[in-house]
């Protein structure tokens, strides 16, 4: 038996980066997977990979998580297709570098829409399904940016930390229904990170020197197993927690200071 055999997982942003690694780890552990992605071609390619590689059922859902109706629709579509929803992984998110004083109200609102409201809507939509099942696992992707208060990403930091507060509160309220809610703060390479490091090799070297493990994380091999644990029955007594799958970079923080305009 694989730890997630016949469980059903919904992963936002599962077509690339950390979300892709988590989706692949879920499928390798036996879960059927719905990938919600704004880029449908990317989601469909990944769903095909999961079906071909792991023999599970996998579907792609075109979803813009900043639109409440689309978030609610992805939850409904997953439940309609599989008849249940055991695991919700809210992974989609994003940030941009800018000094605090240069943020507009729209900048801040946009970050909260993507990194907080999208998670809230998905959790709220999934709750009645999980409550009726008497089982649910919610895995939300946090950020070391927020925990360590990295410079120049205040909108991202604040919205991710608000999401962590949401997660802890849901863990308290939904625990009696056997619904676990936890947060992973990952550190792993992604297409965006690799592009940034290629353009900023000095920053790459500087950050790597501060990683206690001595290497950058891999989404599937390093973040995926943590997500599988939190998505499985093995985590029955773990809820409201933040797990740092970061190679130790959360201990002292890293000098993540992207260039910004004055």
Protein backbone atom coordinates (compact mmCIF):
# COMPACT_ATOMS: atom_id res chain seq x y z
CA UNK A 1 0.00 0.00 0.00
CA UNK A 2 1.19 3.48 -0.86
CA UNK A 3 0.36 6.04 1.86
CA UNK A 4 -2.11 7.96 -0.32
CA UNK A 5 -3.65 5.06 -2.24
CA UNK A 6 -7.05 6.10 -3.65
CA UNK A 7 -6.98 9.47 -1.92
CA UNK A 8 -7.96 12.47 -4.05
CA UNK A 9 -5.76 15.55 -4.06
CA UNK A 10 -6.29 19.00 -5.53
CA UNK A 11 -3.13 21.04 -6.10
CA UNK A 12 -3.20 24.66 -7.22
CA UNK A 13 -0.30 25.71 -9.40
CA UNK A 14 0.60 22.05 -9.80
CA UNK A 15 1.99 22.36 -13.31
CA UNK A 16 5.40 23.77 -12.41
CA UNK A 17 7.80 24.49 -9.58
CA UNK A 18 6.98 23.44 -6.03
CA UNK A 19 3.39 22.58 -6.96
CA UNK A 20 4.57 20.21 -9.66
CA UNK A 21 6.91 18.50 -7.24
CA UNK A 22 4.10 18.08 -4.72
CA UNK A 23 1.67 16.79 -7.35
CA UNK A 24 4.22 14.21 -8.50
CA UNK A 25 4.93 13.11 -4.95
CA UNK A 26 1.19 12.74 -4.27
CA UNK A 27 0.78 10.62 -7.41
CA UNK A 28 3.82 8.48 -6.55
CA UNK A 29 2.19 7.87 -3.17
CA UNK A 30 -0.98 6.65 -4.90
CA UNK A 31 -3.25 9.70 -4.94
CA UNK A 32 -5.46 10.73 -7.82
CA UNK A 33 -4.66 14.34 -8.60
CA UNK A 34 -6.48 17.38 -9.95
CA UNK A 35 -4.13 20.12 -11.11
CA UNK A 36 -5.61 23.61 -11.08
CA UNK A 37 -3.55 25.98 -13.18
CA UNK A 38 -4.14 29.20 -15.09
CA UNK A 39 -2.13 27.74 -17.99
CA UNK A 40 -4.31 24.81 -19.07
CA UNK A 41 -1.77 23.38 -21.53
CA UNK A 42 0.79 23.16 -18.73
CA UNK A 43 -1.72 21.51 -16.40
CA UNK A 44 -2.80 19.00 -19.04
CA UNK A 45 0.80 18.05 -19.81
CA UNK A 46 1.47 17.43 -16.12
CA UNK A 47 -1.76 15.44 -15.66
CA UNK A 48 -0.74 13.22 -18.58
CA UNK A 49 2.67 12.72 -16.98
CA UNK A 50 1.09 11.63 -13.71
CA UNK A 51 -1.23 9.17 -15.45
CA UNK A 52 1.56 7.68 -17.56
CA UNK A 53 4.20 7.55 -14.84
CA UNK A 54 2.22 6.53 -11.77
CA UNK A 55 -0.95 4.89 -13.13
CA UNK A 56 -3.24 7.21 -11.21
CA UNK A 57 -6.14 9.28 -12.45
CA UNK A 58 -5.25 12.91 -13.04
CA UNK A 59 -7.17 15.84 -14.47
CA UNK A 60 -6.38 19.42 -15.41
CA UNK A 61 -8.57 22.36 -14.45
CA UNK A 62 -8.11 25.82 -15.93
CA UNK A 63 -8.22 28.04 -12.85
CA UNK A 64 -7.34 31.61 -12.03
CA UNK A 65 -7.20 31.46 -8.25
CA UNK A 66 -7.70 35.21 -7.95
CA UNK A 67 -11.28 34.66 -9.13
CA UNK A 68 -13.57 33.34 -6.39
CA UNK A 69 -16.00 31.67 -8.77
CA UNK A 70 -13.16 29.76 -10.45
CA UNK A 71 -11.73 28.63 -7.11
CA UNK A 72 -15.12 27.35 -5.99
CA UNK A 73 -15.60 25.70 -9.40
CA UNK A 74 -12.28 23.81 -9.17
CA UNK A 75 -13.30 22.31 -5.83
CA UNK A 76 -16.71 21.34 -7.19
CA UNK A 77 -15.21 19.88 -10.36
CA UNK A 78 -12.74 17.75 -8.41
CA UNK A 79 -15.47 16.42 -6.13
CA UNK A 80 -17.79 15.76 -9.07
CA UNK A 81 -15.07 13.88 -10.96
CA UNK A 82 -13.79 11.69 -8.13
CA UNK A 83 -16.66 11.64 -5.63
CA UNK A 84 -14.48 12.90 -2.80
CA UNK A 85 -11.74 15.39 -1.92
CA UNK A 86 -9.23 14.25 0.68
CA UNK A 87 -6.31 16.61 0.17
CA UNK A 88 -6.19 20.29 -0.72
CA UNK A 89 -2.79 21.79 -1.41
CA UNK A 90 -2.88 25.55 -1.87
CA UNK A 91 0.38 26.19 -3.65
CA UNK A 92 -0.30 28.92 -6.23
CA UNK A 93 1.21 32.26 -5.27
CA UNK A 94 3.59 34.97 -6.33
CA UNK A 95 5.55 38.04 -5.32
CA UNK A 96 7.26 41.09 -6.76
CA UNK A 97 10.12 43.24 -5.38
CA UNK A 98 9.33 46.80 -4.33
CA UNK A 99 10.12 49.07 -1.43
CA UNK A 100 7.34 49.45 1.16
CA UNK A 101 6.85 53.16 0.50
CA UNK A 102 6.40 52.53 -3.23
CA UNK A 103 3.56 50.05 -2.80
CA UNK A 104 0.18 51.16 -4.01
CA UNK A 105 -3.07 50.00 -2.47
CA UNK A 106 -3.55 47.93 -5.61
CA UNK A 107 -0.18 46.22 -5.14
CA UNK A 108 -1.09 45.15 -1.63
CA UNK A 109 -4.62 44.11 -2.55
CA UNK A 110 -3.36 42.03 -5.47
CA UNK A 111 -0.94 40.13 -3.27
CA UNK A 112 -3.62 39.36 -0.72
CA UNK A 113 -5.96 38.26 -3.50
CA UNK A 114 -3.44 35.70 -4.76
CA UNK A 115 -1.77 34.58 -1.54
CA UNK A 116 -4.55 34.89 1.04
CA UNK A 117 -8.04 35.15 -0.45
CA UNK A 118 -7.45 32.33 -2.95
CA UNK A 119 -6.50 30.03 -0.07
CA UNK A 120 -9.45 31.15 2.05
CA UNK A 121 -11.92 30.55 -0.78
CA UNK A 122 -10.52 27.10 -1.52
CA UNK A 123 -10.55 26.06 2.12
CA UNK A 124 -14.08 27.34 2.64
CA UNK A 125 -15.31 25.45 -0.44
CA UNK A 126 -13.54 22.23 0.57
CA UNK A 127 -14.67 22.24 4.19
CA UNK A 128 -18.22 20.87 3.79
CA UNK A 129 -16.91 18.03 1.61
CA UNK A 130 -14.19 17.10 4.09
CA UNK A 131 -16.57 17.46 7.05
CA UNK A 132 -19.08 15.09 5.45
CA UNK A 133 -16.28 12.57 4.77
CA UNK A 134 -14.94 12.85 8.31
CA UNK A 135 -11.47 13.25 6.80
CA UNK A 136 -9.42 16.01 5.24
CA UNK A 137 -5.87 17.23 4.92
CA UNK A 138 -5.08 20.82 3.92
CA UNK A 139 -1.49 21.69 3.08
CA UNK A 140 -0.84 25.38 2.47
CA UNK A 141 2.43 26.71 1.10
CA UNK A 142 3.83 29.51 3.22
CA UNK A 143 7.02 31.46 2.67
CA UNK A 144 10.30 32.05 4.41
CA UNK A 145 10.02 35.60 3.09
CA UNK A 146 7.25 36.26 5.58
CA UNK A 147 8.78 34.33 8.48
CA UNK A 148 12.16 36.03 8.09
CA UNK A 149 10.74 39.42 6.98
CA UNK A 150 12.81 39.57 3.82
CA UNK A 151 13.31 43.03 2.44
CA UNK A 152 11.36 44.44 -0.51
CA UNK A 153 8.58 41.82 -0.58
CA UNK A 154 6.24 43.25 2.04
CA UNK A 155 3.00 42.48 0.18
CA UNK A 156 4.03 38.85 -0.26
CA UNK A 157 5.33 38.61 3.31
CA UNK A 158 2.17 40.03 4.86
CA UNK A 159 -0.24 38.00 2.74
CA UNK A 160 1.62 34.74 3.39
CA UNK A 161 1.72 35.40 7.12
CA UNK A 162 -2.01 36.16 7.08
CA UNK A 163 -2.48 32.81 5.37
CA UNK A 164 -0.53 31.12 8.15
CA UNK A 165 -2.84 32.68 10.73
CA UNK A 166 -5.83 31.45 8.73
CA UNK A 167 -4.35 27.96 8.66
CA UNK A 168 -3.74 27.81 12.41
CA UNK A 169 -7.24 29.06 13.16
CA UNK A 170 -8.79 26.51 10.79
CA UNK A 171 -6.75 23.79 12.49
CA UNK A 172 -8.41 24.68 15.78
CA UNK A 173 -11.95 24.99 14.44
CA UNK A 174 -11.86 22.02 12.06
CA UNK A 175 -9.83 19.57 14.14
CA UNK A 176 -12.96 17.91 15.59
CA UNK A 177 -13.93 16.92 12.04
CA UNK A 178 -10.62 15.09 11.47
CA UNK A 179 -9.41 17.83 9.17
CA UNK A 180 -5.74 18.65 9.58
CA UNK A 181 -4.42 22.01 8.42
CA UNK A 182 -0.69 22.64 8.17
CA UNK A 183 1.76 24.93 6.41
CA UNK A 184 5.00 24.14 4.61
CA UNK A 185 7.57 26.88 4.15
CA UNK A 186 9.61 25.46 1.29
CA UNK A 187 12.92 26.35 -0.21
CA UNK A 188 13.32 24.77 -3.62
CA UNK A 189 14.30 25.76 -7.10
CA UNK A 190 11.58 26.70 -9.56
CA UNK A 191 11.59 28.07 -13.11
CA UNK A 192 11.29 31.60 -11.71
CA UNK A 193 14.09 31.04 -9.20
CA UNK A 194 16.40 29.52 -11.81
CA UNK A 195 15.74 32.45 -14.14
CA UNK A 196 16.54 34.89 -11.34
CA UNK A 197 19.73 33.06 -10.36
CA UNK A 198 20.89 32.97 -13.97
CA UNK A 199 20.54 36.74 -14.12
CA UNK A 200 22.01 37.21 -10.62
CA UNK A 201 24.79 34.62 -10.13
CA UNK A 202 26.33 36.52 -7.23
CA UNK A 203 23.06 36.35 -5.32
CA UNK A 204 22.84 32.61 -6.03
CA UNK A 205 26.31 32.04 -4.58
CA UNK A 206 25.62 34.25 -1.59
CA UNK A 207 22.39 32.45 -0.74
CA UNK A 208 23.82 28.97 -1.25
CA UNK A 209 26.61 29.75 1.19
CA UNK A 210 23.95 30.30 3.86
CA UNK A 211 22.09 27.00 3.34
CA UNK A 212 23.19 24.64 6.13
CA UNK A 213 22.48 21.54 4.02
CA UNK A 214 24.74 22.96 1.33
CA UNK A 215 22.44 22.70 -1.67
CA UNK A 216 19.20 24.07 -3.04
CA UNK A 217 16.06 22.02 -2.54
CA UNK A 218 14.33 19.91 -5.17
CA UNK A 219 10.56 20.31 -5.31
CA UNK A 220 9.72 16.64 -5.86
CA UNK A 221 12.43 15.00 -3.75
CA UNK A 222 12.61 17.47 -0.86
CA UNK A 223 9.25 19.25 -0.59
CA UNK A 224 7.06 16.45 -1.95
CA UNK A 225 7.70 13.92 0.86
CA UNK A 226 6.87 16.54 3.49
CA UNK A 227 3.59 17.25 1.73
CA UNK A 228 2.84 13.52 1.45
CA UNK A 229 3.32 13.11 5.20
CA UNK A 230 0.98 16.01 5.96
CA UNK A 231 -1.54 14.65 3.45
CA UNK A 232 -1.56 11.15 4.92
CA UNK A 233 -3.03 9.43 7.94
CA UNK A 234 0.47 9.46 9.47
CA UNK A 235 -0.07 13.15 10.29
CA UNK A 236 -3.27 12.51 12.26
CA UNK A 237 -1.84 14.19 15.36
CA UNK A 238 -0.13 17.05 13.52
CA UNK A 239 -2.17 20.17 12.83
CA UNK A 240 -1.72 23.92 12.98
CA UNK A 241 2.00 23.47 12.39
CA UNK A 242 4.48 25.17 10.11
CA UNK A 243 7.11 22.81 8.78
CA UNK A 244 10.26 24.31 7.30
CA UNK A 245 11.38 22.19 4.36
CA UNK A 246 14.20 24.60 3.74
CA UNK A 247 17.56 22.94 4.21
CA UNK A 248 17.92 24.92 7.43
CA UNK A 249 17.67 28.37 5.82
CA UNK A 250 14.95 29.36 8.28
CA UNK A 251 17.34 29.18 11.24
CA UNK A 252 19.32 32.35 10.63
CA UNK A 253 17.63 33.56 7.46
CA UNK A 254 19.36 34.36 4.19
CA UNK A 255 20.38 37.63 2.58
CA UNK A 256 17.60 37.72 0.00
CA UNK A 257 17.69 41.31 -1.21
CA UNK A 258 16.57 41.70 -4.81
CA UNK A 259 17.34 44.92 -6.65
CA UNK A 260 14.51 47.43 -6.53
CA UNK A 261 13.90 50.94 -7.81
CA UNK A 262 14.25 53.82 -5.38
